């Protein structure tokens, strides 16, 4: 799975840390386990809502404090959503856009 964060963490793009996790068959880099937890939960929520078996690409815009406007893609299909989390990685908000 690809994201627009190409320089660092799959969620926040930070370049510190050295945490790897397999998400849907892809070994992805994250700065920490909390970002990996958030990303994995986000992927599960998107797949649950859309009925998709896989996600090809996720575009994430925003940050921890303001939340993230996102678009997930599966082939030609796209799903837009917003989410925000607590510092421990639990979701405050997850809304379809």
PDB file of N, CA and C in Angstrom:
ATOM      1  N   UNK A   1       0.850  -1.173   0.000  1.00  0.00           N
ATOM      2  CA  UNK A   1       0.000   0.000   0.000  1.00  0.00           C
ATOM      3  C   UNK A   1       0.893   1.232   0.000  1.00  0.00           C
ATOM      4  N   UNK A   2       0.556   2.175  -0.831  1.00  0.00           N
ATOM      5  CA  UNK A   2       1.340   3.401  -0.928  1.00  0.00           C
ATOM      6  C   UNK A   2       0.589   4.544  -0.260  1.00  0.00           C
ATOM      7  N   UNK A   3       1.359   5.524   0.207  1.00  0.00           N
ATOM      8  CA  UNK A   3       0.789   6.762   0.740  1.00  0.00           C
ATOM      9  C   UNK A   3       1.542   7.928   0.124  1.00  0.00           C
ATOM     10  N   UNK A   4       1.014   9.129   0.314  1.00  0.00           N
ATOM     11  CA  UNK A   4       1.712  10.319  -0.157  1.00  0.00           C
ATOM     12  C   UNK A   4       2.891  10.667   0.748  1.00  0.00           C
ATOM     13  N   UNK A   5       3.028   9.996   1.873  1.00  0.00           N
ATOM     14  CA  UNK A   5       4.156  10.203   2.773  1.00  0.00           C
ATOM     15  C   UNK A   5       5.300   9.300   2.327  1.00  0.00           C
ATOM     16  N   UNK A   6       6.192   9.846   1.542  1.00  0.00           N
ATOM     17  CA  UNK A   6       7.237   9.032   0.928  1.00  0.00           C
ATOM     18  C   UNK A   6       8.601   9.171   1.600  1.00  0.00           C
ATOM     19  N   UNK A   7       8.749  10.135   2.496  1.00  0.00           N
ATOM     20  CA  UNK A   7      10.059  10.357   3.111  1.00  0.00           C
ATOM     21  C   UNK A   7      10.201   9.719   4.477  1.00  0.00           C
ATOM     22  N   UNK A   8       9.083   9.355   5.105  1.00  0.00           N
ATOM     23  CA  UNK A   8       9.166   8.834   6.464  1.00  0.00           C
ATOM     24  C   UNK A   8       7.976   7.958   6.812  1.00  0.00           C
ATOM     25  N   UNK A   9       7.498   8.144   8.010  1.00  0.00           N
ATOM     26  CA  UNK A   9       6.395   7.362   8.565  1.00  0.00           C
ATOM     27  C   UNK A   9       5.196   7.347   7.620  1.00  0.00           C
ATOM     28  N   UNK A  10       4.585   6.180   7.470  1.00  0.00           N
ATOM     29  CA  UNK A  10       3.421   6.038   6.603  1.00  0.00           C
ATOM     30  C   UNK A  10       2.244   6.889   7.018  1.00  0.00           C
ATOM     31  N   UNK A  11       2.182   7.296   8.293  1.00  0.00           N
ATOM     32  CA  UNK A  11       1.085   8.141   8.763  1.00  0.00           C
ATOM     33  C   UNK A  11       1.487   9.606   8.844  1.00  0.00           C
ATOM     34  N   UNK A  12       2.556   9.902   9.566  1.00  0.00           N
ATOM     35  CA  UNK A  12       2.885  11.310   9.857  1.00  0.00           C
ATOM     36  C   UNK A  12       4.090  11.839   9.078  1.00  0.00           C
ATOM     37  N   UNK A  13       4.784  10.969   8.356  1.00  0.00           N
ATOM     38  CA  UNK A  13       5.940  11.328   7.541  1.00  0.00           C
ATOM     39  C   UNK A  13       7.191  11.683   8.350  1.00  0.00           C
ATOM     40  N   UNK A  14       7.171  11.433   9.671  1.00  0.00           N
ATOM     41  CA  UNK A  14       8.358  11.680  10.494  1.00  0.00           C
ATOM     42  C   UNK A  14       9.482  10.748  10.060  1.00  0.00           C
ATOM     43  N   UNK A  15      10.709  11.230  10.150  1.00  0.00           N
ATOM     44  CA  UNK A  15      11.846  10.430   9.707  1.00  0.00           C
ATOM     45  C   UNK A  15      12.615   9.805  10.861  1.00  0.00           C
ATOM     46  N   UNK A  16      12.200  10.047  12.080  1.00  0.00           N
ATOM     47  CA  UNK A  16      12.851   9.410  13.229  1.00  0.00           C
ATOM     48  C   UNK A  16      12.174   8.069  13.510  1.00  0.00           C
ATOM     49  N   UNK A  17      12.779   7.269  14.327  1.00  0.00           N
ATOM     50  CA  UNK A  17      12.201   5.982  14.714  1.00  0.00           C
ATOM     51  C   UNK A  17      12.530   4.896  13.715  1.00  0.00           C
ATOM     52  N   UNK A  18      12.210   3.703  14.083  1.00  0.00           N
ATOM     53  CA  UNK A  18      12.504   2.550  13.224  1.00  0.00           C
ATOM     54  C   UNK A  18      11.497   1.455  13.572  1.00  0.00           C
ATOM     55  N   UNK A  19      10.253   1.664  13.186  1.00  0.00           N
ATOM     56  CA  UNK A  19       9.194   0.708  13.503  1.00  0.00           C
ATOM     57  C   UNK A  19       8.555   0.224  12.206  1.00  0.00           C
ATOM     58  N   UNK A  20       8.515  -1.072  12.027  1.00  0.00           N
ATOM     59  CA  UNK A  20       7.953  -1.662  10.817  1.00  0.00           C
ATOM     60  C   UNK A  20       6.776  -2.548  11.188  1.00  0.00           C
ATOM     61  N   UNK A  21       5.747  -2.522  10.346  1.00  0.00           N
ATOM     62  CA  UNK A  21       4.600  -3.401  10.556  1.00  0.00           C
ATOM     63  C   UNK A  21       4.026  -3.804   9.203  1.00  0.00           C
ATOM     64  N   UNK A  22       3.590  -5.052   9.139  1.00  0.00           N
ATOM     65  CA  UNK A  22       2.937  -5.524   7.926  1.00  0.00           C
ATOM     66  C   UNK A  22       1.468  -5.105   7.973  1.00  0.00           C
ATOM     67  N   UNK A  23       1.061  -4.364   6.956  1.00  0.00           N
ATOM     68  CA  UNK A  23      -0.334  -3.934   6.819  1.00  0.00           C
ATOM     69  C   UNK A  23      -0.814  -4.438   5.473  1.00  0.00           C
ATOM     70  N   UNK A  24      -1.793  -5.301   5.500  1.00  0.00           N
ATOM     71  CA  UNK A  24      -2.362  -5.886   4.274  1.00  0.00           C
ATOM     72  C   UNK A  24      -1.301  -6.445   3.331  1.00  0.00           C
ATOM     73  N   UNK A  25      -0.332  -7.129   3.898  1.00  0.00           N
ATOM     74  CA  UNK A  25       0.690  -7.779   3.078  1.00  0.00           C
ATOM     75  C   UNK A  25       1.872  -6.915   2.711  1.00  0.00           C
ATOM     76  N   UNK A  26       1.847  -5.640   3.065  1.00  0.00           N
ATOM     77  CA  UNK A  26       2.964  -4.741   2.770  1.00  0.00           C
ATOM     78  C   UNK A  26       3.705  -4.403   4.060  1.00  0.00           C
ATOM     79  N   UNK A  27       5.026  -4.519   4.035  1.00  0.00           N
ATOM     80  CA  UNK A  27       5.841  -4.148   5.179  1.00  0.00           C
ATOM     81  C   UNK A  27       6.036  -2.636   5.133  1.00  0.00           C
ATOM     82  N   UNK A  28       5.417  -1.925   6.072  1.00  0.00           N
ATOM     83  CA  UNK A  28       5.419  -0.460   6.040  1.00  0.00           C
ATOM     84  C   UNK A  28       6.238   0.115   7.190  1.00  0.00           C
ATOM     85  N   UNK A  29       6.886   1.245   6.911  1.00  0.00           N
ATOM     86  CA  UNK A  29       7.687   1.961   7.902  1.00  0.00           C
ATOM     87  C   UNK A  29       6.815   2.973   8.643  1.00  0.00           C
ATOM     88  N   UNK A  30       6.958   3.013   9.956  1.00  0.00           N
ATOM     89  CA  UNK A  30       6.307   4.002  10.814  1.00  0.00           C
ATOM     90  C   UNK A  30       7.345   4.508  11.803  1.00  0.00           C
ATOM     91  N   UNK A  31       7.102   5.688  12.359  1.00  0.00           N
ATOM     92  CA  UNK A  31       8.042   6.213  13.338  1.00  0.00           C
ATOM     93  C   UNK A  31       7.865   5.524  14.690  1.00  0.00           C
ATOM     94  N   UNK A  32       6.649   5.038  14.967  1.00  0.00           N
ATOM     95  CA  UNK A  32       6.375   4.431  16.274  1.00  0.00           C
ATOM     96  C   UNK A  32       5.170   3.496  16.178  1.00  0.00           C
ATOM     97  N   UNK A  33       4.955   2.734  17.240  1.00  0.00           N
ATOM     98  CA  UNK A  33       3.834   1.797  17.250  1.00  0.00           C
ATOM     99  C   UNK A  33       2.481   2.511  17.273  1.00  0.00           C
ATOM    100  N   UNK A  34       2.407   3.712  17.812  1.00  0.00           N
ATOM    101  CA  UNK A  34       1.128   4.434  17.849  1.00  0.00           C
ATOM    102  C   UNK A  34       0.705   4.822  16.433  1.00  0.00           C
ATOM    103  N   UNK A  35       1.623   5.340  15.633  1.00  0.00           N
ATOM    104  CA  UNK A  35       1.281   5.665  14.244  1.00  0.00           C
ATOM    105  C   UNK A  35       0.883   4.410  13.476  1.00  0.00           C
ATOM    106  N   UNK A  36       1.570   3.308  13.728  1.00  0.00           N
ATOM    107  CA  UNK A  36       1.222   2.048  13.070  1.00  0.00           C
ATOM    108  C   UNK A  36      -0.173   1.593  13.492  1.00  0.00           C
ATOM    109  N   UNK A  37      -0.495   1.714  14.782  1.00  0.00           N
ATOM    110  CA  UNK A  37      -1.832   1.344  15.275  1.00  0.00           C
ATOM    111  C   UNK A  37      -2.914   2.192  14.620  1.00  0.00           C
ATOM    112  N   UNK A  38      -2.679   3.496  14.548  1.00  0.00           N
ATOM    113  CA  UNK A  38      -3.646   4.408  13.934  1.00  0.00           C
ATOM    114  C   UNK A  38      -3.855   4.042  12.467  1.00  0.00           C
ATOM    115  N   UNK A  39      -2.764   3.845  11.744  1.00  0.00           N
ATOM    116  CA  UNK A  39      -2.849   3.530  10.321  1.00  0.00           C
ATOM    117  C   UNK A  39      -3.590   2.212  10.110  1.00  0.00           C
ATOM    118  N   UNK A  40      -3.259   1.208  10.897  1.00  0.00           N
ATOM    119  CA  UNK A  40      -3.898  -0.104  10.754  1.00  0.00           C
ATOM    120  C   UNK A  40      -5.396  -0.016  11.050  1.00  0.00           C
ATOM    121  N   UNK A  41      -5.782   0.711  12.080  1.00  0.00           N
ATOM    122  CA  UNK A  41      -7.194   0.888  12.407  1.00  0.00           C
ATOM    123  C   UNK A  41      -7.910   1.663  11.311  1.00  0.00           C
ATOM    124  N   UNK A  42      -7.254   2.697  10.790  1.00  0.00           N
ATOM    125  CA  UNK A  42      -7.825   3.483   9.699  1.00  0.00           C
ATOM    126  C   UNK A  42      -8.107   2.599   8.488  1.00  0.00           C
ATOM    127  N   UNK A  43      -7.150   1.753   8.124  1.00  0.00           N
ATOM    128  CA  UNK A  43      -7.321   0.852   6.980  1.00  0.00           C
ATOM    129  C   UNK A  43      -8.504  -0.087   7.221  1.00  0.00           C
ATOM    130  N   UNK A  44      -8.606  -0.642   8.417  1.00  0.00           N
ATOM    131  CA  UNK A  44      -9.721  -1.537   8.739  1.00  0.00           C
ATOM    132  C   UNK A  44     -11.059  -0.825   8.621  1.00  0.00           C
ATOM    133  N   UNK A  45     -11.125   0.426   9.113  1.00  0.00           N
ATOM    134  CA  UNK A  45     -12.375   1.195   9.043  1.00  0.00           C
ATOM    135  C   UNK A  45     -12.768   1.475   7.595  1.00  0.00           C
ATOM    136  N   UNK A  46     -11.810   1.874   6.778  1.00  0.00           N
ATOM    137  CA  UNK A  46     -12.096   2.164   5.370  1.00  0.00           C
ATOM    138  C   UNK A  46     -12.601   0.905   4.667  1.00  0.00           C
ATOM    139  N   UNK A  47     -11.936  -0.205   4.883  1.00  0.00           N
ATOM    140  CA  UNK A  47     -12.349  -1.450   4.237  1.00  0.00           C
ATOM    141  C   UNK A  47     -13.728  -1.905   4.720  1.00  0.00           C
ATOM    142  N   UNK A  48     -14.004  -1.698   5.992  1.00  0.00           N
ATOM    143  CA  UNK A  48     -15.315  -2.060   6.542  1.00  0.00           C
ATOM    144  C   UNK A  48     -16.435  -1.225   5.915  1.00  0.00           C
ATOM    145  N   UNK A  49     -16.212   0.067   5.775  1.00  0.00           N
ATOM    146  CA  UNK A  49     -17.220   0.973   5.223  1.00  0.00           C
ATOM    147  C   UNK A  49     -17.418   0.750   3.723  1.00  0.00           C
ATOM    148  N   UNK A  50     -16.309   0.565   2.996  1.00  0.00           N
ATOM    149  CA  UNK A  50     -16.389   0.468   1.537  1.00  0.00           C
ATOM    150  C   UNK A  50     -16.658  -0.949   1.034  1.00  0.00           C
ATOM    151  N   UNK A  51     -16.325  -1.937   1.830  1.00  0.00           N
ATOM    152  CA  UNK A  51     -16.442  -3.315   1.380  1.00  0.00           C
ATOM    153  C   UNK A  51     -15.269  -3.769   0.530  1.00  0.00           C
ATOM    154  N   UNK A  52     -14.242  -2.910   0.408  1.00  0.00           N
ATOM    155  CA  UNK A  52     -13.059  -3.250  -0.380  1.00  0.00           C
ATOM    156  C   UNK A  52     -12.275  -4.362   0.299  1.00  0.00           C
ATOM    157  N   UNK A  53     -11.622  -5.172  -0.512  1.00  0.00           N
ATOM    158  CA  UNK A  53     -10.713  -6.213  -0.001  1.00  0.00           C
ATOM    159  C   UNK A  53      -9.315  -5.650   0.220  1.00  0.00           C
ATOM    160  N   UNK A  54      -8.968  -4.595  -0.545  1.00  0.00           N
ATOM    161  CA  UNK A  54      -7.640  -4.001  -0.425  1.00  0.00           C
ATOM    162  C   UNK A  54      -7.711  -2.507  -0.707  1.00  0.00           C
ATOM    163  N   UNK A  55      -6.679  -1.820  -0.304  1.00  0.00           N
ATOM    164  CA  UNK A  55      -6.519  -0.391  -0.584  1.00  0.00           C
ATOM    165  C   UNK A  55      -5.187  -0.233  -1.294  1.00  0.00           C
ATOM    166  N   UNK A  56      -5.209   0.455  -2.436  1.00  0.00           N
ATOM    167  CA  UNK A  56      -3.983   0.647  -3.206  1.00  0.00           C
ATOM    168  C   UNK A  56      -3.168   1.840  -2.720  1.00  0.00           C
ATOM    169  N   UNK A  57      -3.867   2.919  -2.325  1.00  0.00           N
ATOM    170  CA  UNK A  57      -3.189   4.184  -2.034  1.00  0.00           C
ATOM    171  C   UNK A  57      -4.008   4.974  -1.026  1.00  0.00           C
ATOM    172  N   UNK A  58      -3.309   5.652  -0.121  1.00  0.00           N
ATOM    173  CA  UNK A  58      -3.968   6.553   0.824  1.00  0.00           C
ATOM    174  C   UNK A  58      -3.255   7.893   0.791  1.00  0.00           C
ATOM    175  N   UNK A  59      -4.023   8.942   0.558  1.00  0.00           N
ATOM    176  CA  UNK A  59      -3.482  10.299   0.641  1.00  0.00           C
ATOM    177  C   UNK A  59      -3.932  10.894   1.957  1.00  0.00           C
ATOM    178  N   UNK A  60      -2.968  11.362   2.745  1.00  0.00           N
ATOM    179  CA  UNK A  60      -3.240  11.928   4.070  1.00  0.00           C
ATOM    180  C   UNK A  60      -2.805  13.384   4.084  1.00  0.00           C
ATOM    181  N   UNK A  61      -3.704  14.276   4.449  1.00  0.00           N
ATOM    182  CA  UNK A  61      -3.380  15.702   4.542  1.00  0.00           C
ATOM    183  C   UNK A  61      -3.817  16.183   5.915  1.00  0.00           C
ATOM    184  N   UNK A  62      -2.894  16.773   6.654  1.00  0.00           N
ATOM    185  CA  UNK A  62      -3.195  17.267   7.988  1.00  0.00           C
ATOM    186  C   UNK A  62      -2.211  16.688   8.985  1.00  0.00           C
ATOM    187  N   UNK A  63      -2.584  16.778  10.263  1.00  0.00           N
ATOM    188  CA  UNK A  63      -1.685  16.306  11.307  1.00  0.00           C
ATOM    189  C   UNK A  63      -2.482  15.898  12.544  1.00  0.00           C
ATOM    190  N   UNK A  64      -1.753  15.570  13.595  1.00  0.00           N
ATOM    191  CA  UNK A  64      -2.369  15.110  14.833  1.00  0.00           C
ATOM    192  C   UNK A  64      -3.328  16.150  15.413  1.00  0.00           C
ATOM    193  N   UNK A  65      -2.925  17.408  15.465  1.00  0.00           N
ATOM    194  CA  UNK A  65      -3.745  18.411  16.144  1.00  0.00           C
ATOM    195  C   UNK A  65      -4.986  18.835  15.358  1.00  0.00           C
ATOM    196  N   UNK A  66      -4.872  18.932  14.039  1.00  0.00           N
ATOM    197  CA  UNK A  66      -6.027  19.380  13.249  1.00  0.00           C
ATOM    198  C   UNK A  66      -6.832  18.222  12.665  1.00  0.00           C
ATOM    199  N   UNK A  67      -6.295  17.034  12.741  1.00  0.00           N
ATOM    200  CA  UNK A  67      -6.937  15.883  12.113  1.00  0.00           C
ATOM    201  C   UNK A  67      -6.448  15.741  10.677  1.00  0.00           C
ATOM    202  N   UNK A  68      -6.878  14.679  10.028  1.00  0.00           N
ATOM    203  CA  UNK A  68      -6.400  14.407   8.672  1.00  0.00           C
ATOM    204  C   UNK A  68      -7.557  14.222   7.701  1.00  0.00           C
ATOM    205  N   UNK A  69      -7.499  14.962   6.608  1.00  0.00           N
ATOM    206  CA  UNK A  69      -8.409  14.771   5.485  1.00  0.00           C
ATOM    207  C   UNK A  69      -7.748  13.742   4.583  1.00  0.00           C
ATOM    208  N   UNK A  70      -8.475  12.707   4.227  1.00  0.00           N
ATOM    209  CA  UNK A  70      -7.852  11.594   3.513  1.00  0.00           C
ATOM    210  C   UNK A  70      -8.675  11.155   2.310  1.00  0.00           C
ATOM    211  N   UNK A  71      -7.984  10.477   1.404  1.00  0.00           N
ATOM    212  CA  UNK A  71      -8.646   9.803   0.303  1.00  0.00           C
ATOM    213  C   UNK A  71      -7.959   8.458   0.119  1.00  0.00           C
ATOM    214  N   UNK A  72      -8.748   7.400   0.197  1.00  0.00           N
ATOM    215  CA  UNK A  72      -8.249   6.054  -0.066  1.00  0.00           C
ATOM    216  C   UNK A  72      -8.694   5.669  -1.463  1.00  0.00           C
ATOM    217  N   UNK A  73      -7.838   4.916  -2.159  1.00  0.00           N
ATOM    218  CA  UNK A  73      -8.176   4.488  -3.517  1.00  0.00           C
ATOM    219  C   UNK A  73      -8.000   2.989  -3.658  1.00  0.00           C
ATOM    220  N   UNK A  74      -8.924   2.424  -4.414  1.00  0.00           N
ATOM    221  CA  UNK A  74      -8.869   1.017  -4.788  1.00  0.00           C
ATOM    222  C   UNK A  74      -9.198   0.981  -6.269  1.00  0.00           C
ATOM    223  N   UNK A  75      -8.162   0.838  -7.095  1.00  0.00           N
ATOM    224  CA  UNK A  75      -8.369   0.930  -8.536  1.00  0.00           C
ATOM    225  C   UNK A  75      -8.898   2.314  -8.882  1.00  0.00           C
ATOM    226  N   UNK A  76     -10.033   2.376  -9.561  1.00  0.00           N
ATOM    227  CA  UNK A  76     -10.650   3.653  -9.947  1.00  0.00           C
ATOM    228  C   UNK A  76     -11.559   4.224  -8.858  1.00  0.00           C
ATOM    229  N   UNK A  77     -11.854   3.433  -7.833  1.00  0.00           N
ATOM    230  CA  UNK A  77     -12.753   3.875  -6.762  1.00  0.00           C
ATOM    231  C   UNK A  77     -12.002   4.701  -5.730  1.00  0.00           C
ATOM    232  N   UNK A  78     -12.697   5.716  -5.188  1.00  0.00           N
ATOM    233  CA  UNK A  78     -12.097   6.567  -4.161  1.00  0.00           C
ATOM    234  C   UNK A  78     -13.087   6.742  -3.009  1.00  0.00           C
ATOM    235  N   UNK A  79     -12.546   6.859  -1.810  1.00  0.00           N
ATOM    236  CA  UNK A  79     -13.337   7.097  -0.603  1.00  0.00           C
ATOM    237  C   UNK A  79     -12.658   8.215   0.173  1.00  0.00           C
ATOM    238  N   UNK A  80     -13.407   9.296   0.437  1.00  0.00           N
ATOM    239  CA  UNK A  80     -12.866  10.446   1.165  1.00  0.00           C
ATOM    240  C   UNK A  80     -13.389  10.437   2.598  1.00  0.00           C
ATOM    241  N   UNK A  81     -12.500  10.786   3.531  1.00  0.00           N
ATOM    242  CA  UNK A  81     -12.868  10.755   4.940  1.00  0.00           C
ATOM    243  C   UNK A  81     -11.941  11.668   5.747  1.00  0.00           C
ATOM    244  N   UNK A  82     -12.345  11.895   6.987  1.00  0.00           N
ATOM    245  CA  UNK A  82     -11.585  12.715   7.933  1.00  0.00           C
ATOM    246  C   UNK A  82     -11.476  11.914   9.219  1.00  0.00           C
ATOM    247  N   UNK A  83     -10.318  11.999   9.861  1.00  0.00           N
ATOM    248  CA  UNK A  83     -10.218  11.404  11.189  1.00  0.00           C
ATOM    249  C   UNK A  83      -9.293  12.210  12.076  1.00  0.00           C
ATOM    250  N   UNK A  84      -9.512  12.028  13.365  1.00  0.00           N
ATOM    251  CA  UNK A  84      -8.690  12.662  14.389  1.00  0.00           C
ATOM    252  C   UNK A  84      -8.555  11.679  15.535  1.00  0.00           C
ATOM    253  N   UNK A  85      -7.391  11.661  16.171  1.00  0.00           N
ATOM    254  CA  UNK A  85      -7.141  10.703  17.245  1.00  0.00           C
ATOM    255  C   UNK A  85      -6.645  11.390  18.512  1.00  0.00           C
ATOM    256  N   UNK A  86      -6.771  10.674  19.614  1.00  0.00           N
ATOM    257  CA  UNK A  86      -6.124  11.077  20.859  1.00  0.00           C
ATOM    258  C   UNK A  86      -4.635  10.748  20.754  1.00  0.00           C
ATOM    259  N   UNK A  87      -3.834  11.207  21.690  1.00  0.00           N
ATOM    260  CA  UNK A  87      -2.392  10.956  21.656  1.00  0.00           C
ATOM    261  C   UNK A  87      -2.054   9.476  21.816  1.00  0.00           C
ATOM    262  N   UNK A  88      -2.976   8.692  22.376  1.00  0.00           N
ATOM    263  CA  UNK A  88      -2.730   7.259  22.537  1.00  0.00           C
ATOM    264  C   UNK A  88      -3.131   6.461  21.298  1.00  0.00           C
ATOM    265  N   UNK A  89      -3.630   7.142  20.264  1.00  0.00           N
ATOM    266  CA  UNK A  89      -3.986   6.475  19.017  1.00  0.00           C
ATOM    267  C   UNK A  89      -5.451   6.105  18.872  1.00  0.00           C
ATOM    268  N   UNK A  90      -6.226   6.263  19.906  1.00  0.00           N
ATOM    269  CA  UNK A  90      -7.665   5.964  19.821  1.00  0.00           C
ATOM    270  C   UNK A  90      -8.359   7.062  19.013  1.00  0.00           C
ATOM    271  N   UNK A  91      -9.343   6.652  18.223  1.00  0.00           N
ATOM    272  CA  UNK A  91     -10.035   7.601  17.356  1.00  0.00           C
ATOM    273  C   UNK A  91     -11.028   8.459  18.129  1.00  0.00           C
ATOM    274  N   UNK A  92     -10.965   9.777  17.901  1.00  0.00           N
ATOM    275  CA  UNK A  92     -11.969  10.726  18.397  1.00  0.00           C
ATOM    276  C   UNK A  92     -13.089  10.804  17.375  1.00  0.00           C
ATOM    277  N   UNK A  93     -12.688  10.960  16.121  1.00  0.00           N
ATOM    278  CA  UNK A  93     -13.629  11.166  15.020  1.00  0.00           C
ATOM    279  C   UNK A  93     -13.186  10.364  13.807  1.00  0.00           C
ATOM    280  N   UNK A  94     -14.159   9.803  13.089  1.00  0.00           N
ATOM    281  CA  UNK A  94     -13.935   9.199  11.783  1.00  0.00           C
ATOM    282  C   UNK A  94     -15.187   9.470  10.990  1.00  0.00           C
ATOM    283  N   UNK A  95     -15.097  10.355   9.981  1.00  0.00           N
ATOM    284  CA  UNK A  95     -16.277  10.793   9.232  1.00  0.00           C
ATOM    285  C   UNK A  95     -16.067  10.638   7.742  1.00  0.00           C
ATOM    286  N   UNK A  96     -17.082  10.133   7.076  1.00  0.00           N
ATOM    287  CA  UNK A  96     -17.094  10.088   5.619  1.00  0.00           C
ATOM    288  C   UNK A  96     -17.261  11.503   5.106  1.00  0.00           C
ATOM    289  N   UNK A  97     -16.562  11.855   4.035  1.00  0.00           N
ATOM    290  CA  UNK A  97     -16.666  13.200   3.445  1.00  0.00           C
ATOM    291  C   UNK A  97     -17.354  13.138   2.104  1.00  0.00           C
TER     292      UNK A  97
END
